[in-house]
């Protein structure tokens, strides 16, 4: 089941590089002779207040909006202009402007240096510590981020944003329970904290607590019913709970809010296929492919629908497309082989099953299909070898094999041999 990631917010964007091991520190006293605000400082400050992160504690832009290319270029020019006047940077307020400017344009290492400069002279500056934690998140240094937010919470134990951001850091560290607890505390302090609710729902779902996840997504919907991905993730958890009709309704709402939500279309197609609604599934997978033509799994799954509809040529074409995108896609090789077998190309089918098992030796469906084909061609030894692997990897397929016209006899033979070997062993012991 496909889900969206964490709710889009300013700290969830990936960083490109970490900062230097020994950070450069701006020393305030080195430039005590230059205390005036420059025109460059004033210009950057105005831009940050109007378009970006502000000049103090960083807060997300509305709905996770990104800067336009034009505004970003203007900010880059303003930061560069200010950078030429480092000698005039003295006060924490001025360093905040420079640091937040660097943060806004993705220069997170430089931003962290500015915040550390502030903290070197003012260790209790809560806004600098908060922003430093954000910079560490962007620099993919979650352990440092968690440390900064933990220190900040000693100063400000009721700051919901700090719990939320520490939750993001704990999530990045794989500390899921701690992250859930942090998001929960943020919600306790700020009951309509949508970002924290959404992220908590994601982690509840990841840990298999789908009933709780649905309840969390419902709370988000009560406050912000317009978030497409919230409906998507709610649907994914409903699917996991076996509530497939409700899941389809959630996916449909997600697509109504965002017609290009390919994840919602994919999941709705998957669930419709499971429910036997083949035409609806076909329509949705086709829409996914139109939106994301590089999605090999969508081609593979649409091929399965064409197979079920007995449109074998279209099925093979889709499996071919999937394999062009992912040459080692074991399931697509196995599925292509199954269709070729139906079309009477047994040699081609066997080639595909072998390709599948080369890519994934543990793929039970490929062993199963190979066993059936060897049974049809009379190669008993090869049939039994693959059947043995099926039962080792996926013993739940034993019932399917027993009822299969080509494998039922092979399973009986295998069981008979096992019983005979067991009897021989007992006789030797006696």
Protein backbone atom coordinates (compact mmCIF):
# COMPACT_ATOMS: atom_id res chain seq x y z
CA UNK A 1 0.00 0.00 0.00
CA UNK A 2 1.39 3.37 -0.99
CA UNK A 3 1.32 6.32 1.40
CA UNK A 4 2.41 9.90 1.23
CA UNK A 5 5.31 10.97 3.41
CA UNK A 6 5.18 13.33 6.33
CA UNK A 7 3.05 16.41 5.89
CA UNK A 8 5.01 18.86 3.84
CA UNK A 9 6.69 21.38 6.06
CA UNK A 10 9.85 23.37 5.95
CA UNK A 11 12.00 20.86 7.83
CA UNK A 12 10.93 17.80 5.89
CA UNK A 13 12.86 18.77 2.77
CA UNK A 14 16.08 16.77 2.22
CA UNK A 15 19.40 18.44 2.72
CA UNK A 16 22.23 17.99 0.26
CA UNK A 17 25.34 18.13 2.41
CA UNK A 18 26.49 18.30 5.98
CA UNK A 19 28.41 21.22 7.38
CA UNK A 20 32.13 21.21 8.16
CA UNK A 21 33.39 19.17 11.08
CA UNK A 22 34.82 22.30 12.72
CA UNK A 23 32.25 25.04 12.08
CA UNK A 24 33.38 28.57 11.39
CA UNK A 25 32.12 30.88 14.16
CA UNK A 26 31.31 34.54 13.63
CA UNK A 27 32.78 36.37 16.62
CA UNK A 28 30.64 39.33 17.58
CA UNK A 29 33.40 41.22 19.35
CA UNK A 30 35.67 41.05 16.30
CA UNK A 31 33.50 43.61 14.58
CA UNK A 32 32.43 45.84 17.43
CA UNK A 33 33.50 48.88 15.47
CA UNK A 34 30.83 48.30 12.83
CA UNK A 35 27.42 48.45 14.47
CA UNK A 36 25.26 50.16 11.88
CA UNK A 37 22.55 48.44 9.92
CA UNK A 38 23.52 48.33 6.25
CA UNK A 39 21.13 48.79 3.40
CA UNK A 40 21.80 45.16 2.52
CA UNK A 41 20.73 44.02 5.97
CA UNK A 42 17.54 46.04 5.81
CA UNK A 43 16.73 44.77 2.33
CA UNK A 44 17.21 41.11 3.27
CA UNK A 45 15.24 41.58 6.48
CA UNK A 46 12.29 42.99 4.54
CA UNK A 47 12.40 40.13 2.03
CA UNK A 48 12.47 37.50 4.78
CA UNK A 49 9.52 39.05 6.58
CA UNK A 50 7.49 39.30 3.40
CA UNK A 51 8.31 36.06 1.60
CA UNK A 52 10.21 33.56 3.71
CA UNK A 53 11.16 32.57 7.24
CA UNK A 54 11.11 35.91 9.03
CA UNK A 55 14.01 37.28 11.04
CA UNK A 56 13.52 35.44 14.33
CA UNK A 57 12.35 31.92 15.11
CA UNK A 58 11.66 30.12 11.85
CA UNK A 59 8.09 29.04 11.18
CA UNK A 60 6.70 27.14 8.18
CA UNK A 61 5.42 29.08 5.24
CA UNK A 62 1.67 28.65 4.70
CA UNK A 63 0.81 25.08 3.68
CA UNK A 64 4.47 24.24 3.10
CA UNK A 65 4.64 26.58 0.10
CA UNK A 66 8.00 26.80 -1.63
CA UNK A 67 9.64 29.97 -2.79
CA UNK A 68 9.12 30.87 -6.42
CA UNK A 69 12.24 30.91 -8.57
CA UNK A 70 12.03 34.69 -8.86
CA UNK A 71 11.78 35.28 -5.11
CA UNK A 72 14.51 32.73 -4.41
CA UNK A 73 16.84 34.50 -6.85
CA UNK A 74 16.08 37.83 -5.19
CA UNK A 75 16.86 36.35 -1.77
CA UNK A 76 20.10 34.83 -3.05
CA UNK A 77 21.19 38.24 -4.34
CA UNK A 78 20.28 39.87 -1.04
CA UNK A 79 22.22 37.27 0.99
CA UNK A 80 25.22 37.67 -1.31
CA UNK A 81 25.10 41.45 -0.92
CA UNK A 82 24.99 41.13 2.86
CA UNK A 83 27.80 38.57 2.82
CA UNK A 84 30.11 41.27 1.48
CA UNK A 85 29.51 43.30 4.65
CA UNK A 86 30.35 40.67 7.29
CA UNK A 87 32.33 43.30 9.14
CA UNK A 88 29.09 45.02 10.04
CA UNK A 89 27.37 41.94 11.47
CA UNK A 90 27.37 42.44 15.20
CA UNK A 91 24.09 41.93 17.00
CA UNK A 92 22.13 38.70 17.32
CA UNK A 93 19.34 40.36 15.36
CA UNK A 94 21.70 40.97 12.45
CA UNK A 95 23.07 37.44 12.58
CA UNK A 96 19.50 36.15 12.64
CA UNK A 97 18.81 37.97 9.38
CA UNK A 98 21.88 36.46 7.74
CA UNK A 99 21.26 32.98 9.18
CA UNK A 100 17.60 32.96 8.20
CA UNK A 101 18.49 34.23 4.75
CA UNK A 102 20.95 31.37 4.29
CA UNK A 103 18.35 28.94 5.63
CA UNK A 104 15.71 30.22 3.20
CA UNK A 105 17.91 29.60 0.15
CA UNK A 106 19.23 26.23 1.28
CA UNK A 107 22.63 27.23 2.67
CA UNK A 108 21.97 25.35 5.87
CA UNK A 109 25.60 24.91 6.94
CA UNK A 110 26.12 28.70 6.80
CA UNK A 111 22.85 29.19 8.65
CA UNK A 112 23.96 26.83 11.42
CA UNK A 113 27.23 28.75 11.80
CA UNK A 114 25.32 32.00 12.25
CA UNK A 115 23.07 30.47 14.91
CA UNK A 116 26.07 28.97 16.72
CA UNK A 117 27.69 32.40 16.71
CA UNK A 118 24.66 33.80 18.49
CA UNK A 119 24.66 30.95 21.01
CA UNK A 120 28.38 31.40 21.68
CA UNK A 121 27.58 34.82 23.17
CA UNK A 122 24.01 34.11 24.27
CA UNK A 123 23.66 30.43 25.29
CA UNK A 124 20.09 30.98 26.45
CA UNK A 125 18.88 32.45 23.15
CA UNK A 126 15.94 30.11 22.56
CA UNK A 127 15.21 31.25 19.01
CA UNK A 128 18.80 30.64 17.92
CA UNK A 129 18.76 27.16 19.43
CA UNK A 130 15.44 26.38 17.75
CA UNK A 131 16.72 27.52 14.36
CA UNK A 132 19.96 25.60 14.86
CA UNK A 133 17.91 22.46 15.46
CA UNK A 134 16.04 23.08 12.20
CA UNK A 135 19.31 23.57 10.34
CA UNK A 136 20.62 20.26 11.69
CA UNK A 137 17.47 18.54 10.43
CA UNK A 138 18.09 19.96 6.98
CA UNK A 139 21.72 18.90 7.16
CA UNK A 140 20.61 15.34 7.90
CA UNK A 141 22.10 15.45 11.35
CA UNK A 142 19.06 14.37 13.39
CA UNK A 143 21.05 13.38 16.47
CA UNK A 144 22.36 16.94 16.76
CA UNK A 145 18.87 18.28 16.10
CA UNK A 146 17.34 16.16 18.85
CA UNK A 147 20.01 17.38 21.26
CA UNK A 148 19.27 21.03 20.48
CA UNK A 149 15.51 20.63 20.81
CA UNK A 150 15.94 18.70 24.05
CA UNK A 151 18.10 21.51 25.46
CA UNK A 152 15.53 24.03 24.27
CA UNK A 153 12.71 22.17 26.02
CA UNK A 154 14.59 22.53 29.30
CA UNK A 155 14.22 26.28 28.81
CA UNK A 156 10.74 26.24 27.26
CA UNK A 157 8.97 23.04 28.34
CA UNK A 158 5.64 24.16 26.87
CA UNK A 159 6.87 24.97 23.36
CA UNK A 160 4.78 22.76 21.09
CA UNK A 161 6.93 23.48 18.03
CA UNK A 162 10.02 22.13 19.79
CA UNK A 163 8.27 18.84 20.58
CA UNK A 164 7.10 18.63 16.97
CA UNK A 165 10.56 19.24 15.54
CA UNK A 166 12.18 16.85 18.02
CA UNK A 167 9.62 14.33 16.83
CA UNK A 168 10.88 14.86 13.29
CA UNK A 169 14.43 14.26 14.48
CA UNK A 170 13.49 11.13 16.39
CA UNK A 171 11.64 9.87 13.34
CA UNK A 172 14.75 10.41 11.22
CA UNK A 173 16.73 8.44 13.80
CA UNK A 174 14.26 5.56 13.64
CA UNK A 175 13.10 6.23 17.20
CA UNK A 176 9.45 5.79 16.27
CA UNK A 177 7.98 5.49 19.75
CA UNK A 178 9.79 8.63 20.88
CA UNK A 179 8.63 10.48 17.78
CA UNK A 180 5.02 9.44 18.38
CA UNK A 181 5.31 10.64 21.97
CA UNK A 182 6.79 13.97 20.86
CA UNK A 183 4.02 14.55 18.32
CA UNK A 184 1.48 13.60 20.97
CA UNK A 185 2.90 16.12 23.42
CA UNK A 186 2.87 18.83 20.74
CA UNK A 187 -0.82 18.10 20.15
CA UNK A 188 -1.55 18.24 23.88
CA UNK A 189 0.00 21.70 24.01
CA UNK A 190 -1.58 22.86 20.76
CA UNK A 191 -4.74 20.80 20.08
CA UNK A 192 -5.07 21.95 16.45
CA UNK A 193 -1.44 21.28 15.47
CA UNK A 194 -2.20 19.71 12.09
CA UNK A 195 1.42 18.90 11.14
CA UNK A 196 1.91 16.99 14.39
CA UNK A 197 -1.41 15.15 14.00
CA UNK A 198 -0.62 14.12 10.43
CA UNK A 199 2.90 12.92 11.20
CA UNK A 200 1.69 11.03 14.27
CA UNK A 201 -0.91 9.30 12.09
CA UNK A 202 1.79 8.28 9.61
CA UNK A 203 3.92 6.71 12.33
CA UNK A 204 0.96 4.97 13.95
CA UNK A 205 0.22 3.40 10.57
CA UNK A 206 3.86 2.41 10.07
CA UNK A 207 3.78 0.55 13.38
CA UNK A 208 0.57 -1.28 12.45
CA UNK A 209 -1.69 0.73 14.75
CA UNK A 210 -4.15 1.44 11.96
CA UNK A 211 -7.25 2.02 14.07
CA UNK A 212 -5.41 4.75 15.96
CA UNK A 213 -4.03 6.10 12.70
CA UNK A 214 -7.51 6.43 11.20
CA UNK A 215 -8.66 8.26 14.32
CA UNK A 216 -5.70 10.63 14.00
CA UNK A 217 -6.38 11.30 10.32
CA UNK A 218 -10.04 11.93 11.19
CA UNK A 219 -8.93 14.64 13.60
CA UNK A 220 -6.89 16.24 10.83
CA UNK A 221 -9.91 16.16 8.54
CA UNK A 222 -12.02 17.85 11.19
CA UNK A 223 -9.63 20.81 11.12
CA UNK A 224 -8.31 20.71 7.56
CA UNK A 225 -10.55 18.64 5.27
CA UNK A 226 -8.69 19.93 2.20
CA UNK A 227 -5.44 17.93 2.60
CA UNK A 228 -5.45 15.34 -0.18
CA UNK A 229 -2.69 13.19 1.30
CA UNK A 230 -4.49 12.95 4.62
CA UNK A 231 -7.40 11.25 2.86
CA UNK A 232 -4.88 9.07 0.99
CA UNK A 233 -3.23 7.86 4.19
CA UNK A 234 -6.56 7.40 5.91
CA UNK A 235 -7.59 5.17 3.01
CA UNK A 236 -4.39 3.13 3.26
CA UNK A 237 -5.05 2.37 6.93
CA UNK A 238 -8.70 1.54 6.21
CA UNK A 239 -7.46 -0.93 3.58
CA UNK A 240 -5.18 -2.53 6.17
CA UNK A 241 -8.20 -2.87 8.46
CA UNK A 242 -10.16 -4.64 5.71
CA UNK A 243 -12.56 -1.73 5.26
CA UNK A 244 -12.09 -1.60 1.50
CA UNK A 245 -15.21 0.28 0.46
CA UNK A 246 -14.43 3.01 2.98
CA UNK A 247 -10.85 3.05 1.71
CA UNK A 248 -12.03 3.61 -1.85
CA UNK A 249 -14.16 6.52 -0.66
CA UNK A 250 -11.12 8.04 1.04
CA UNK A 251 -8.98 7.65 -2.09
CA UNK A 252 -11.74 9.20 -4.16
CA UNK A 253 -11.84 12.22 -1.85
CA UNK A 254 -8.06 12.51 -2.16
CA UNK A 255 -8.31 12.58 -5.96
CA UNK A 256 -11.13 15.12 -5.86
CA UNK A 257 -8.89 17.44 -3.88
CA UNK A 258 -5.89 16.75 -6.10
CA UNK A 259 -6.53 15.19 -9.49
CA UNK A 260 -2.81 14.51 -9.86
CA UNK A 261 -2.49 12.51 -6.64
CA UNK A 262 -1.06 9.43 -8.32
CA UNK A 263 -0.64 7.60 -5.00
CA UNK A 264 -4.37 7.81 -4.32
CA UNK A 265 -5.17 6.64 -7.85
CA UNK A 266 -2.71 3.75 -7.48
CA UNK A 267 -4.18 2.64 -4.17
CA UNK A 268 -7.76 2.92 -5.44
CA UNK A 269 -6.79 0.82 -8.45
CA UNK A 270 -5.15 -1.78 -6.22
CA UNK A 271 -8.20 -2.04 -3.97
CA UNK A 272 -10.61 -2.18 -6.89
CA UNK A 273 -8.55 -5.02 -8.38
CA UNK A 274 -8.73 -6.86 -5.07
CA UNK A 275 -12.51 -6.40 -5.02
CA UNK A 276 -12.84 -7.58 -8.62
CA UNK A 277 -13.73 -4.17 -10.05
CA UNK A 278 -11.42 -4.67 -13.01
CA UNK A 279 -12.61 -1.89 -15.29
CA UNK A 280 -12.35 0.70 -12.52
CA UNK A 281 -8.89 -0.57 -11.62
CA UNK A 282 -7.84 -0.42 -15.27
CA UNK A 283 -8.98 3.19 -15.55
CA UNK A 284 -7.06 4.23 -12.44
CA UNK A 285 -3.83 2.46 -13.37
CA UNK A 286 -3.99 4.10 -16.80
CA UNK A 287 -4.33 7.47 -15.07
CA UNK A 288 -1.34 6.67 -12.85
CA UNK A 289 0.75 5.78 -15.89
CA UNK A 290 -0.24 9.02 -17.59
CA UNK A 291 0.83 11.00 -14.52
CA UNK A 292 3.95 8.95 -13.71
CA UNK A 293 5.07 7.11 -16.86
CA UNK A 294 8.19 5.88 -15.03
CA UNK A 295 6.12 3.80 -12.57
CA UNK A 296 7.07 0.21 -13.39
CA UNK A 297 4.76 -1.20 -10.73
CA UNK A 298 1.75 0.53 -12.30
CA UNK A 299 2.56 -1.07 -15.67
CA UNK A 300 2.96 -4.47 -14.01
CA UNK A 301 -0.33 -4.16 -12.16
CA UNK A 302 -2.20 -2.97 -15.23
CA UNK A 303 -0.75 -5.97 -17.03
CA UNK A 304 -2.32 -8.21 -14.38
CA UNK A 305 -5.70 -6.61 -15.08
CA UNK A 306 -5.33 -7.13 -18.82
CA UNK A 307 -4.45 -10.74 -18.02
CA UNK A 308 -7.62 -11.11 -15.93
CA UNK A 309 -9.62 -9.57 -18.80
CA UNK A 310 -7.97 -12.07 -21.19
CA UNK A 311 -6.37 -9.28 -23.21
CA UNK A 312 -3.06 -11.09 -23.30
CA UNK A 313 -1.29 -8.99 -25.90
CA UNK A 314 -1.93 -5.82 -23.89
CA UNK A 315 -0.78 -7.64 -20.76
CA UNK A 316 2.52 -8.65 -22.38
CA UNK A 317 3.01 -5.10 -23.64
CA UNK A 318 2.58 -3.73 -20.12
CA UNK A 319 4.97 -6.28 -18.63
CA UNK A 320 7.45 -5.30 -21.34
CA UNK A 321 7.10 -1.65 -20.34
CA UNK A 322 7.61 -2.54 -16.69
CA UNK A 323 10.78 -4.46 -17.54
CA UNK A 324 12.13 -1.64 -19.69
CA UNK A 325 11.89 0.56 -16.62
CA UNK A 326 13.13 -2.12 -14.17
CA UNK A 327 14.99 -4.93 -15.94
CA UNK A 328 15.34 -6.91 -12.69
CA UNK A 329 11.63 -6.65 -11.78
CA UNK A 330 11.14 -10.29 -10.73
CA UNK A 331 7.34 -10.13 -10.45
CA UNK A 332 7.00 -8.67 -13.94
CA UNK A 333 9.17 -11.46 -15.40
CA UNK A 334 7.04 -14.08 -13.63
CA UNK A 335 3.79 -12.45 -14.72
CA UNK A 336 4.99 -12.14 -18.30
CA UNK A 337 5.91 -15.82 -18.23
CA UNK A 338 2.45 -16.78 -16.97
CA UNK A 339 0.77 -14.94 -19.85
CA UNK A 340 3.16 -16.44 -22.41
CA UNK A 341 2.30 -19.86 -21.00
CA UNK A 342 -1.40 -19.18 -21.50
CA UNK A 343 -0.65 -18.08 -25.08
CA UNK A 344 1.13 -21.40 -25.69
CA UNK A 345 4.72 -20.13 -25.69
CA UNK A 346 6.07 -22.58 -23.12
CA UNK A 347 9.72 -21.99 -23.96
CA UNK A 348 9.30 -18.23 -23.64
CA UNK A 349 7.45 -18.71 -20.37
CA UNK A 350 10.26 -20.82 -18.91
CA UNK A 351 12.82 -18.19 -19.90
CA UNK A 352 10.79 -15.58 -18.01
CA UNK A 353 10.44 -17.75 -14.90
CA UNK A 354 14.19 -18.29 -14.88
CA UNK A 355 14.82 -14.54 -15.28
CA UNK A 356 12.45 -13.94 -12.40
CA UNK A 357 14.28 -16.37 -10.12
CA UNK A 358 17.65 -14.92 -11.11
CA UNK A 359 16.38 -11.55 -9.89
CA UNK A 360 14.69 -12.94 -6.78
CA UNK A 361 15.43 -16.58 -5.84
CA UNK A 362 12.86 -16.36 -3.04
CA UNK A 363 9.88 -15.38 -5.23
CA UNK A 364 7.37 -18.12 -4.47
CA UNK A 365 5.08 -17.30 -7.39
CA UNK A 366 7.90 -17.84 -9.89
CA UNK A 367 8.79 -21.20 -8.34
CA UNK A 368 5.10 -22.12 -8.40
CA UNK A 369 4.75 -21.19 -12.07
CA UNK A 370 7.95 -23.01 -12.98
CA UNK A 371 6.76 -26.13 -11.14
CA UNK A 372 3.48 -26.08 -13.10
CA UNK A 373 5.27 -25.67 -16.39
CA UNK A 374 7.73 -28.49 -15.70
CA UNK A 375 4.77 -30.66 -14.74
CA UNK A 376 3.17 -29.92 -18.09
CA UNK A 377 6.35 -30.80 -19.97
CA UNK A 378 6.91 -33.99 -17.97
CA UNK A 379 10.10 -32.94 -16.18
CA UNK A 380 9.16 -34.49 -12.82
CA UNK A 381 12.48 -33.81 -11.08
CA UNK A 382 12.45 -30.11 -11.95
CA UNK A 383 8.78 -29.87 -11.00
CA UNK A 384 9.40 -31.37 -7.56
CA UNK A 385 12.46 -29.17 -7.00
CA UNK A 386 10.50 -25.98 -7.57
CA UNK A 387 7.48 -27.28 -5.66
CA UNK A 388 9.73 -27.97 -2.69
CA UNK A 389 10.94 -24.37 -2.78
CA UNK A 390 7.36 -23.11 -2.95
CA UNK A 391 6.45 -24.98 0.22
CA UNK A 392 9.59 -23.76 1.98
CA UNK A 393 9.02 -20.10 1.07
CA UNK A 394 5.22 -19.94 1.17
CA UNK A 395 3.71 -23.02 2.85
CA UNK A 396 0.27 -21.41 2.60
CA UNK A 397 0.35 -22.23 -1.13
CA UNK A 398 0.12 -25.96 -0.40
CA UNK A 399 -3.67 -25.86 -0.70
CA UNK A 400 -3.46 -24.10 -4.08
CA UNK A 401 -0.99 -26.72 -5.27
CA UNK A 402 -3.23 -29.55 -4.08
CA UNK A 403 -6.12 -28.18 -6.13
CA UNK A 404 -4.05 -27.38 -9.23
CA UNK A 405 -4.52 -29.81 -12.12
CA UNK A 406 -0.79 -29.76 -12.88
CA UNK A 407 0.57 -29.79 -9.34
CA UNK A 408 -1.90 -31.91 -7.37
CA UNK A 409 -0.27 -35.18 -8.40
CA UNK A 410 3.21 -33.76 -7.76
CA UNK A 411 2.25 -32.76 -4.25
CA UNK A 412 0.83 -36.23 -3.60
CA UNK A 413 4.07 -37.77 -4.87
CA UNK A 414 6.11 -35.48 -2.66
CA UNK A 415 4.03 -36.35 0.39
CA UNK A 416 4.22 -40.06 -0.43
CA UNK A 417 8.01 -39.88 -0.65
CA UNK A 418 8.14 -38.05 2.65
CA UNK A 419 5.97 -40.70 4.32
CA UNK A 420 8.08 -43.52 2.90
CA UNK A 421 11.28 -41.87 4.08
CA UNK A 422 9.75 -41.42 7.52
CA UNK A 423 8.76 -45.11 7.67
CA UNK A 424 12.24 -46.18 6.58
CA UNK A 425 13.74 -44.03 9.30
CA UNK A 426 11.49 -45.57 11.93
CA UNK A 427 12.38 -49.10 10.80
CA UNK A 428 16.09 -48.33 11.05
CA UNK A 429 15.63 -47.06 14.60
CA UNK A 430 13.75 -50.24 15.54
